[in-house]
Amino acid sequence: MTSSKWRTYRSFLNLFRYSLLPISAMLAFHCSQCPTRQQSAFKTLEAGEVETLCAHKRFGAVNKGETLVQQGSYPKGVYCVQQGFFKLVRPASSGKETIVRFAGPGDLIGYRAILSGEPVALQAVAIQNASACFVPSSILLGFLNSNGPFSLELLKNTCLELSEANRVLSSLAQKSVKQRLAEVLLMLHAKFHEDHDGCIDVDLKRSELADLVGTATESLIRLLADFEKEKLICRDGKRFRLSQPERLAHLAALTD
């Protein structure tokens, strides 16, 4: 390995602090051929800007359970999720975590803290083996200054996140626990899709699912049993299959 490639490899280790893909695979990866870029705000970049992005981004893998972004830190860049999913949580002094949302392929993590100049509000933790690209803040801000469509796309992302936060607050205030559980199950199905057995393709602890619904774990377990008796869902180990999504949507007051 040449000295320049070794320095690049060492910089990857310092930036990510988790297991990385082989250096040869990373050097061969080009942003112009990245399908995930078309799912992110970076899809609006011009050809020259794509070259700049590729020259400065760092690509690495994150193991399940590892933290990508720490709450309270000042980010030096953003992370564009390539594969897998992260839960964005707000840790409490008691040790309990509140899941605010999930980030998947194409989503950017940390950009709002860079734009506001404030520390990161949410902690990003991998809920499955994942990978992400790190883009320095100087590159992100350069694109914002020179590329109008890119700026609009980030603004759109911010609005969508705020809209989702408002929807969650409204649901917590106006819907019953049973309605909220139905809504959360449909949301997870839309976000994570199905595995080969037709179950929602994500493994969440019962406490995490209860936190999403806004209820106690014991109440959640009883409601899941009720949903199973009503043949709304089927359980396969720790995963769920939505037997009647239309009835769940009606229960969640998402349809007339």
C-alpha atoms as a PDB file:
ATOM      1  CA  MET A   1       0.000   0.000   0.000  1.00  0.00           C
ATOM      2  CA  THR A   2       1.374   3.435  -0.927  1.00  0.00           C
ATOM      3  CA  SER A   3       1.919   6.076   1.762  1.00  0.00           C
ATOM      4  CA  SER A   4      -0.913   8.244   0.388  1.00  0.00           C
ATOM      5  CA  LYS A   5      -3.381   5.343   0.484  1.00  0.00           C
ATOM      6  CA  TRP A   6      -2.229   4.491   4.015  1.00  0.00           C
ATOM      7  CA  ARG A   7      -2.906   8.068   5.177  1.00  0.00           C
ATOM      8  CA  THR A   8      -6.362   7.876   3.584  1.00  0.00           C
ATOM      9  CA  TYR A   9      -7.040   4.610   5.375  1.00  0.00           C
ATOM     10  CA  ARG A  10      -5.923   6.068   8.718  1.00  0.00           C
ATOM     11  CA  SER A  11      -8.173   9.087   8.224  1.00  0.00           C
ATOM     12  CA  PHE A  12     -11.130   6.732   7.721  1.00  0.00           C
ATOM     13  CA  LEU A  13     -10.350   5.079  11.047  1.00  0.00           C
ATOM     14  CA  ASN A  14     -10.185   8.417  12.851  1.00  0.00           C
ATOM     15  CA  LEU A  15     -13.441   9.667  11.322  1.00  0.00           C
ATOM     16  CA  PHE A  16     -15.577   6.611  11.865  1.00  0.00           C
ATOM     17  CA  ARG A  17     -14.064   4.603  14.735  1.00  0.00           C
ATOM     18  CA  TYR A  18     -15.821   1.478  13.518  1.00  0.00           C
ATOM     19  CA  SER A  19     -15.113  -1.348  11.104  1.00  0.00           C
ATOM     20  CA  LEU A  20     -14.587  -0.224   7.523  1.00  0.00           C
ATOM     21  CA  LEU A  21     -14.927  -1.887   4.168  1.00  0.00           C
ATOM     22  CA  PRO A  22     -11.689  -2.887   2.422  1.00  0.00           C
ATOM     23  CA  ILE A  23      -9.722   0.106   1.200  1.00  0.00           C
ATOM     24  CA  SER A  24      -9.821  -1.160  -2.400  1.00  0.00           C
ATOM     25  CA  ALA A  25     -13.631  -1.233  -2.349  1.00  0.00           C
ATOM     26  CA  MET A  26     -13.822   2.299  -0.977  1.00  0.00           C
ATOM     27  CA  LEU A  27     -11.410   3.743  -3.531  1.00  0.00           C
ATOM     28  CA  ALA A  28     -13.432   2.156  -6.377  1.00  0.00           C
ATOM     29  CA  PHE A  29     -16.713   3.609  -5.144  1.00  0.00           C
ATOM     30  CA  HIS A  30     -17.723   6.738  -7.103  1.00  0.00           C
ATOM     31  CA  CYS A  31     -20.610   9.072  -6.249  1.00  0.00           C
ATOM     32  CA  SER A  32     -21.694   9.405  -9.893  1.00  0.00           C
ATOM     33  CA  GLN A  33     -22.605   5.697  -9.873  1.00  0.00           C
ATOM     34  CA  CYS A  34     -24.180   5.649  -6.407  1.00  0.00           C
ATOM     35  CA  PRO A  35     -27.905   4.760  -6.532  1.00  0.00           C
ATOM     36  CA  THR A  36     -28.389   6.048  -2.988  1.00  0.00           C
ATOM     37  CA  ARG A  37     -27.299   9.548  -4.053  1.00  0.00           C
ATOM     38  CA  GLN A  38     -30.449   9.713  -6.179  1.00  0.00           C
ATOM     39  CA  GLN A  39     -32.470   9.283  -2.969  1.00  0.00           C
ATOM     40  CA  SER A  40     -30.710  12.156  -1.187  1.00  0.00           C
ATOM     41  CA  ALA A  41     -30.357  15.917  -1.546  1.00  0.00           C
ATOM     42  CA  PHE A  42     -27.079  15.247  -3.367  1.00  0.00           C
ATOM     43  CA  LYS A  43     -29.076  14.180  -6.440  1.00  0.00           C
ATOM     44  CA  THR A  44     -29.302  17.896  -7.367  1.00  0.00           C
ATOM     45  CA  LEU A  45     -25.525  18.340  -7.701  1.00  0.00           C
ATOM     46  CA  GLU A  46     -23.887  19.256 -10.990  1.00  0.00           C
ATOM     47  CA  ALA A  47     -21.240  16.966 -12.505  1.00  0.00           C
ATOM     48  CA  GLY A  48     -18.353  19.029 -11.127  1.00  0.00           C
ATOM     49  CA  GLU A  49     -19.908  19.098  -7.681  1.00  0.00           C
ATOM     50  CA  VAL A  50     -20.322  15.323  -7.757  1.00  0.00           C
ATOM     51  CA  GLU A  51     -16.578  15.052  -8.383  1.00  0.00           C
ATOM     52  CA  THR A  52     -15.939  17.340  -5.410  1.00  0.00           C
ATOM     53  CA  LEU A  53     -18.265  15.237  -3.256  1.00  0.00           C
ATOM     54  CA  CYS A  54     -16.522  12.027  -4.263  1.00  0.00           C
ATOM     55  CA  ALA A  55     -13.088  13.496  -3.573  1.00  0.00           C
ATOM     56  CA  HIS A  56     -13.934  14.491  -0.009  1.00  0.00           C
ATOM     57  CA  LYS A  57     -16.502  11.956   1.276  1.00  0.00           C
ATOM     58  CA  ARG A  58     -15.480   9.056   3.491  1.00  0.00           C
ATOM     59  CA  PHE A  59     -17.315   5.741   3.353  1.00  0.00           C
ATOM     60  CA  GLY A  60     -17.537   3.268   6.217  1.00  0.00           C
ATOM     61  CA  ALA A  61     -19.626   0.561   7.879  1.00  0.00           C
ATOM     62  CA  VAL A  62     -21.382   0.743  11.247  1.00  0.00           C
ATOM     63  CA  ASN A  63     -22.241  -2.341  13.263  1.00  0.00           C
ATOM     64  CA  LYS A  64     -25.654  -2.826  14.822  1.00  0.00           C
ATOM     65  CA  GLY A  65     -25.871  -1.006  18.161  1.00  0.00           C
ATOM     66  CA  GLU A  66     -22.992   1.384  17.457  1.00  0.00           C
ATOM     67  CA  THR A  67     -23.425   5.151  17.694  1.00  0.00           C
ATOM     68  CA  LEU A  68     -22.760   7.177  14.566  1.00  0.00           C
ATOM     69  CA  VAL A  69     -23.492  10.651  15.975  1.00  0.00           C
ATOM     70  CA  GLN A  70     -23.370  11.557  19.663  1.00  0.00           C
ATOM     71  CA  GLN A  71     -25.932  13.896  21.187  1.00  0.00           C
ATOM     72  CA  GLY A  72     -24.401  17.206  22.290  1.00  0.00           C
ATOM     73  CA  SER A  73     -21.457  17.032  19.895  1.00  0.00           C
ATOM     74  CA  TYR A  74     -20.658  19.656  17.276  1.00  0.00           C
ATOM     75  CA  PRO A  75     -20.518  17.798  13.943  1.00  0.00           C
ATOM     76  CA  LYS A  76     -17.713  18.373  11.493  1.00  0.00           C
ATOM     77  CA  GLY A  77     -19.880  17.147   8.660  1.00  0.00           C
ATOM     78  CA  VAL A  78     -22.981  15.205   7.701  1.00  0.00           C
ATOM     79  CA  TYR A  79     -23.581  11.514   7.193  1.00  0.00           C
ATOM     80  CA  CYS A  80     -25.488  10.240   4.188  1.00  0.00           C
ATOM     81  CA  VAL A  81     -26.914   6.802   4.957  1.00  0.00           C
ATOM     82  CA  GLN A  82     -26.004   4.239   2.296  1.00  0.00           C
ATOM     83  CA  GLN A  83     -27.399   0.987   3.665  1.00  0.00           C
ATOM     84  CA  GLY A  84     -29.312  -0.048   6.765  1.00  0.00           C
ATOM     85  CA  PHE A  85     -31.185   2.094   9.254  1.00  0.00           C
ATOM     86  CA  PHE A  86     -30.445   4.260  12.273  1.00  0.00           C
ATOM     87  CA  LYS A  87     -32.723   5.285  15.112  1.00  0.00           C
ATOM     88  CA  LEU A  88     -32.450   8.927  16.106  1.00  0.00           C
ATOM     89  CA  VAL A  89     -32.998   9.083  19.831  1.00  0.00           C
ATOM     90  CA  ARG A  90     -33.088  11.683  22.589  1.00  0.00           C
ATOM     91  CA  PRO A  91     -31.366  10.185  25.653  1.00  0.00           C
ATOM     92  CA  ALA A  92     -32.626  11.196  29.099  1.00  0.00           C
ATOM     93  CA  SER A  93     -30.617  11.540  32.308  1.00  0.00           C
ATOM     94  CA  SER A  94     -32.454   8.453  33.591  1.00  0.00           C
ATOM     95  CA  GLY A  95     -30.892   6.409  30.809  1.00  0.00           C
ATOM     96  CA  LYS A  96     -34.143   5.991  28.891  1.00  0.00           C
ATOM     97  CA  GLU A  97     -34.153   6.801  25.180  1.00  0.00           C
ATOM     98  CA  THR A  98     -36.949   8.422  23.215  1.00  0.00           C
ATOM     99  CA  ILE A  99     -36.988   7.416  19.543  1.00  0.00           C
ATOM    100  CA  VAL A 100     -37.795  10.510  17.489  1.00  0.00           C
ATOM    101  CA  ARG A 101     -37.491   9.061  13.997  1.00  0.00           C
ATOM    102  CA  PHE A 102     -35.551   6.661  11.777  1.00  0.00           C
ATOM    103  CA  ALA A 103     -32.996   7.421   9.078  1.00  0.00           C
ATOM    104  CA  GLY A 104     -32.496   5.124   6.096  1.00  0.00           C
ATOM    105  CA  PRO A 105     -30.755   5.089   2.702  1.00  0.00           C
ATOM    106  CA  GLY A 106     -30.480   8.601   1.257  1.00  0.00           C
ATOM    107  CA  ASP A 107     -31.238  10.391   4.524  1.00  0.00           C
ATOM    108  CA  LEU A 108     -28.776  12.974   5.846  1.00  0.00           C
ATOM    109  CA  ILE A 109     -27.845  12.967   9.529  1.00  0.00           C
ATOM    110  CA  GLY A 110     -26.442  16.034  11.295  1.00  0.00           C
ATOM    111  CA  TYR A 111     -27.097  18.745   8.714  1.00  0.00           C
ATOM    112  CA  ARG A 112     -29.478  20.786  10.874  1.00  0.00           C
ATOM    113  CA  ALA A 113     -26.849  21.143  13.603  1.00  0.00           C
ATOM    114  CA  ILE A 114     -24.364  22.443  11.023  1.00  0.00           C
ATOM    115  CA  LEU A 115     -26.841  24.972   9.629  1.00  0.00           C
ATOM    116  CA  SER A 116     -27.883  26.225  13.075  1.00  0.00           C
ATOM    117  CA  GLY A 117     -24.409  26.134  14.621  1.00  0.00           C
ATOM    118  CA  GLU A 118     -25.845  24.220  17.564  1.00  0.00           C
ATOM    119  CA  PRO A 119     -24.841  20.845  19.045  1.00  0.00           C
ATOM    120  CA  VAL A 120     -26.519  17.704  17.738  1.00  0.00           C
ATOM    121  CA  ALA A 121     -29.915  17.257  19.403  1.00  0.00           C
ATOM    122  CA  LEU A 122     -30.374  13.570  18.624  1.00  0.00           C
ATOM    123  CA  GLN A 123     -28.124  10.540  18.898  1.00  0.00           C
ATOM    124  CA  ALA A 124     -27.915   8.258  15.833  1.00  0.00           C
ATOM    125  CA  VAL A 125     -27.618   4.544  16.637  1.00  0.00           C
ATOM    126  CA  ALA A 126     -27.547   1.723  14.068  1.00  0.00           C
ATOM    127  CA  ILE A 127     -30.472  -0.686  14.533  1.00  0.00           C
ATOM    128  CA  GLN A 128     -28.902  -3.074  12.002  1.00  0.00           C
ATOM    129  CA  ASN A 129     -25.563  -3.350  10.258  1.00  0.00           C
ATOM    130  CA  ALA A 130     -25.342  -0.228   8.135  1.00  0.00           C
ATOM    131  CA  SER A 131     -23.032   2.030   6.156  1.00  0.00           C
ATOM    132  CA  ALA A 132     -22.780   5.773   5.632  1.00  0.00           C
ATOM    133  CA  CYS A 133     -20.712   8.418   3.862  1.00  0.00           C
ATOM    134  CA  PHE A 134     -19.225  11.296   5.836  1.00  0.00           C
ATOM    135  CA  VAL A 135     -19.190  14.664   4.021  1.00  0.00           C
ATOM    136  CA  PRO A 136     -17.220  17.544   5.628  1.00  0.00           C
ATOM    137  CA  SER A 137     -19.266  20.596   6.599  1.00  0.00           C
ATOM    138  CA  SER A 138     -17.162  22.855   4.374  1.00  0.00           C
ATOM    139  CA  ILE A 139     -18.227  20.840   1.327  1.00  0.00           C
ATOM    140  CA  LEU A 140     -21.888  20.873   2.383  1.00  0.00           C
ATOM    141  CA  LEU A 141     -21.870  24.645   2.960  1.00  0.00           C
ATOM    142  CA  GLY A 142     -20.141  25.174  -0.385  1.00  0.00           C
ATOM    143  CA  PHE A 143     -22.947  23.334  -2.165  1.00  0.00           C
ATOM    144  CA  LEU A 144     -25.520  25.392  -0.261  1.00  0.00           C
ATOM    145  CA  ASN A 145     -23.897  28.637  -1.411  1.00  0.00           C
ATOM    146  CA  SER A 146     -23.515  27.643  -5.053  1.00  0.00           C
ATOM    147  CA  ASN A 147     -26.413  25.299  -5.806  1.00  0.00           C
ATOM    148  CA  GLY A 148     -29.968  26.617  -5.410  1.00  0.00           C
ATOM    149  CA  PRO A 149     -31.761  23.293  -6.043  1.00  0.00           C
ATOM    150  CA  PHE A 150     -29.572  21.625  -3.401  1.00  0.00           C
ATOM    151  CA  SER A 151     -30.498  24.334  -0.867  1.00  0.00           C
ATOM    152  CA  LEU A 152     -34.186  23.892  -1.666  1.00  0.00           C
ATOM    153  CA  GLU A 153     -33.914  20.119  -1.282  1.00  0.00           C
ATOM    154  CA  LEU A 154     -32.396  20.491   2.200  1.00  0.00           C
ATOM    155  CA  LEU A 155     -35.123  22.986   3.095  1.00  0.00           C
ATOM    156  CA  LYS A 156     -37.713  20.491   1.887  1.00  0.00           C
ATOM    157  CA  ASN A 157     -36.144  17.771   4.051  1.00  0.00           C
ATOM    158  CA  THR A 158     -36.297  20.049   7.078  1.00  0.00           C
ATOM    159  CA  CYS A 159     -39.966  20.835   6.449  1.00  0.00           C
ATOM    160  CA  LEU A 160     -40.810  17.143   6.074  1.00  0.00           C
ATOM    161  CA  GLU A 161     -39.070  16.311   9.358  1.00  0.00           C
ATOM    162  CA  LEU A 162     -40.932  19.095  11.161  1.00  0.00           C
ATOM    163  CA  SER A 163     -44.209  17.933   9.606  1.00  0.00           C
ATOM    164  CA  GLU A 164     -43.564  14.394  10.824  1.00  0.00           C
ATOM    165  CA  ALA A 165     -42.766  15.696  14.321  1.00  0.00           C
ATOM    166  CA  ASN A 166     -46.044  17.647  14.349  1.00  0.00           C
ATOM    167  CA  ARG A 167     -47.951  14.549  13.220  1.00  0.00           C
ATOM    168  CA  VAL A 168     -46.464  12.518  16.066  1.00  0.00           C
ATOM    169  CA  LEU A 169     -47.329  15.187  18.641  1.00  0.00           C
ATOM    170  CA  SER A 170     -50.867  15.401  17.289  1.00  0.00           C
ATOM    171  CA  SER A 171     -51.245  11.628  17.417  1.00  0.00           C
ATOM    172  CA  LEU A 172     -50.034  11.485  21.019  1.00  0.00           C
ATOM    173  CA  ALA A 173     -52.476  14.212  22.035  1.00  0.00           C
ATOM    174  CA  GLN A 174     -55.585  13.139  20.123  1.00  0.00           C
ATOM    175  CA  LYS A 175     -55.496   9.372  19.559  1.00  0.00           C
ATOM    176  CA  SER A 176     -55.954   6.418  21.876  1.00  0.00           C
ATOM    177  CA  VAL A 177     -53.091   4.012  22.566  1.00  0.00           C
ATOM    178  CA  LYS A 178     -54.779   1.415  20.359  1.00  0.00           C
ATOM    179  CA  GLN A 179     -54.993   3.874  17.473  1.00  0.00           C
ATOM    180  CA  ARG A 180     -51.373   4.919  17.943  1.00  0.00           C
ATOM    181  CA  LEU A 181     -50.173   1.298  17.907  1.00  0.00           C
ATOM    182  CA  ALA A 182     -52.003   0.680  14.636  1.00  0.00           C
ATOM    183  CA  GLU A 183     -50.446   3.835  13.182  1.00  0.00           C
ATOM    184  CA  VAL A 184     -46.933   2.913  14.341  1.00  0.00           C
ATOM    185  CA  LEU A 185     -47.187  -0.590  12.860  1.00  0.00           C
ATOM    186  CA  LEU A 186     -48.240   0.880   9.507  1.00  0.00           C
ATOM    187  CA  MET A 187     -45.412   3.436   9.691  1.00  0.00           C
ATOM    188  CA  LEU A 188     -42.827   0.716  10.388  1.00  0.00           C
ATOM    189  CA  HIS A 189     -44.185  -1.364   7.505  1.00  0.00           C
ATOM    190  CA  ALA A 190     -43.900   1.598   5.122  1.00  0.00           C
ATOM    191  CA  LYS A 191     -40.394   2.467   6.333  1.00  0.00           C
ATOM    192  CA  PHE A 192     -38.780  -0.973   6.570  1.00  0.00           C
ATOM    193  CA  HIS A 193     -40.921  -3.025   4.138  1.00  0.00           C
ATOM    194  CA  GLU A 194     -41.171  -6.819   4.475  1.00  0.00           C
ATOM    195  CA  ASP A 195     -38.682  -9.639   4.881  1.00  0.00           C
ATOM    196  CA  HIS A 196     -38.920 -12.906   2.917  1.00  0.00           C
ATOM    197  CA  ASP A 197     -41.554 -14.176   5.387  1.00  0.00           C
ATOM    198  CA  GLY A 198     -43.780 -11.134   4.910  1.00  0.00           C
ATOM    199  CA  CYS A 199     -42.934  -9.653   8.320  1.00  0.00           C
ATOM    200  CA  ILE A 200     -41.899  -6.057   8.966  1.00  0.00           C
ATOM    201  CA  ASP A 201     -38.162  -6.138   8.301  1.00  0.00           C
ATOM    202  CA  VAL A 202     -36.908  -4.600  11.540  1.00  0.00           C
ATOM    203  CA  ASP A 203     -36.082  -5.899  15.009  1.00  0.00           C
ATOM    204  CA  LEU A 204     -37.177  -3.549  17.776  1.00  0.00           C
ATOM    205  CA  LYS A 205     -37.328  -4.256  21.489  1.00  0.00           C
ATOM    206  CA  ARG A 206     -40.780  -4.187  23.031  1.00  0.00           C
ATOM    207  CA  SER A 207     -39.643  -1.200  25.091  1.00  0.00           C
ATOM    208  CA  GLU A 208     -38.639   0.648  21.897  1.00  0.00           C
ATOM    209  CA  LEU A 209     -41.980  -0.117  20.263  1.00  0.00           C
ATOM    210  CA  ALA A 210     -43.771   1.044  23.411  1.00  0.00           C
ATOM    211  CA  ASP A 211     -41.771   4.256  23.337  1.00  0.00           C
ATOM    212  CA  LEU A 212     -42.821   4.898  19.732  1.00  0.00           C
ATOM    213  CA  VAL A 213     -46.456   4.354  20.674  1.00  0.00           C
ATOM    214  CA  GLY A 214     -46.183   6.419  23.839  1.00  0.00           C
ATOM    215  CA  THR A 215     -47.262   3.813  26.382  1.00  0.00           C
ATOM    216  CA  ALA A 216     -45.854   1.426  28.972  1.00  0.00           C
ATOM    217  CA  THR A 217     -44.261  -1.817  27.804  1.00  0.00           C
ATOM    218  CA  GLU A 218     -46.831  -3.863  29.730  1.00  0.00           C
ATOM    219  CA  SER A 219     -49.706  -2.065  28.001  1.00  0.00           C
ATOM    220  CA  LEU A 220     -48.063  -2.579  24.625  1.00  0.00           C
ATOM    221  CA  ILE A 221     -47.726  -6.330  25.179  1.00  0.00           C
ATOM    222  CA  ARG A 222     -51.424  -6.600  26.077  1.00  0.00           C
ATOM    223  CA  LEU A 223     -52.446  -4.593  22.998  1.00  0.00           C
ATOM    224  CA  LEU A 224     -50.294  -6.733  20.712  1.00  0.00           C
ATOM    225  CA  ALA A 225     -52.025  -9.815  22.102  1.00  0.00           C
ATOM    226  CA  ASP A 226     -55.394  -8.162  21.419  1.00  0.00           C
ATOM    227  CA  PHE A 227     -54.367  -7.321  17.846  1.00  0.00           C
ATOM    228  CA  GLU A 228     -53.337 -10.932  17.348  1.00  0.00           C
ATOM    229  CA  LYS A 229     -56.677 -12.215  18.662  1.00  0.00           C
ATOM    230  CA  GLU A 230     -58.479  -9.828  16.304  1.00  0.00           C
ATOM    231  CA  LYS A 231     -56.322 -11.218  13.454  1.00  0.00           C
ATOM    232  CA  LEU A 232     -54.925  -7.778  12.668  1.00  0.00           C
ATOM    233  CA  ILE A 233     -51.363  -9.050  13.001  1.00  0.00           C
ATOM    234  CA  CYS A 234     -49.466 -12.333  13.201  1.00  0.00           C
ATOM    235  CA  ARG A 235     -46.346 -12.777  15.268  1.00  0.00           C
ATOM    236  CA  ASP A 236     -43.325 -14.649  13.955  1.00  0.00           C
ATOM    237  CA  GLY A 237     -40.762 -14.649  16.752  1.00  0.00           C
ATOM    238  CA  LYS A 238     -39.935 -11.001  17.479  1.00  0.00           C
ATOM    239  CA  ARG A 239     -41.367  -9.774  14.175  1.00  0.00           C
ATOM    240  CA  PHE A 240     -44.884  -8.932  13.047  1.00  0.00           C
ATOM    241  CA  ARG A 241     -46.860  -9.587   9.900  1.00  0.00           C
ATOM    242  CA  LEU A 242     -49.722  -7.210   9.111  1.00  0.00           C
ATOM    243  CA  SER A 243     -52.643  -9.506   8.335  1.00  0.00           C
ATOM    244  CA  GLN A 244     -55.178  -6.772   7.620  1.00  0.00           C
ATOM    245  CA  PRO A 245     -53.453  -3.431   6.898  1.00  0.00           C
ATOM    246  CA  GLU A 246     -56.740  -1.893   5.698  1.00  0.00           C
ATOM    247  CA  ARG A 247     -58.377  -2.518   9.084  1.00  0.00           C
ATOM    248  CA  LEU A 248     -55.302  -1.136  10.837  1.00  0.00           C
ATOM    249  CA  ALA A 249     -55.478   2.026   8.712  1.00  0.00           C
ATOM    250  CA  HIS A 250     -59.152   2.418   9.572  1.00  0.00           C
ATOM    251  CA  LEU A 251     -58.416   1.843  13.258  1.00  0.00           C
ATOM    252  CA  ALA A 252     -55.629   4.440  13.169  1.00  0.00           C
ATOM    253  CA  ALA A 253     -58.108   6.936  11.648  1.00  0.00           C
ATOM    254  CA  LEU A 254     -55.948   7.203   8.531  1.00  0.00           C
ATOM    255  CA  THR A 255     -58.917   6.367   6.276  1.00  0.00           C
ATOM    256  CA  ASP A 256     -62.646   7.101   6.328  1.00  0.00           C
END
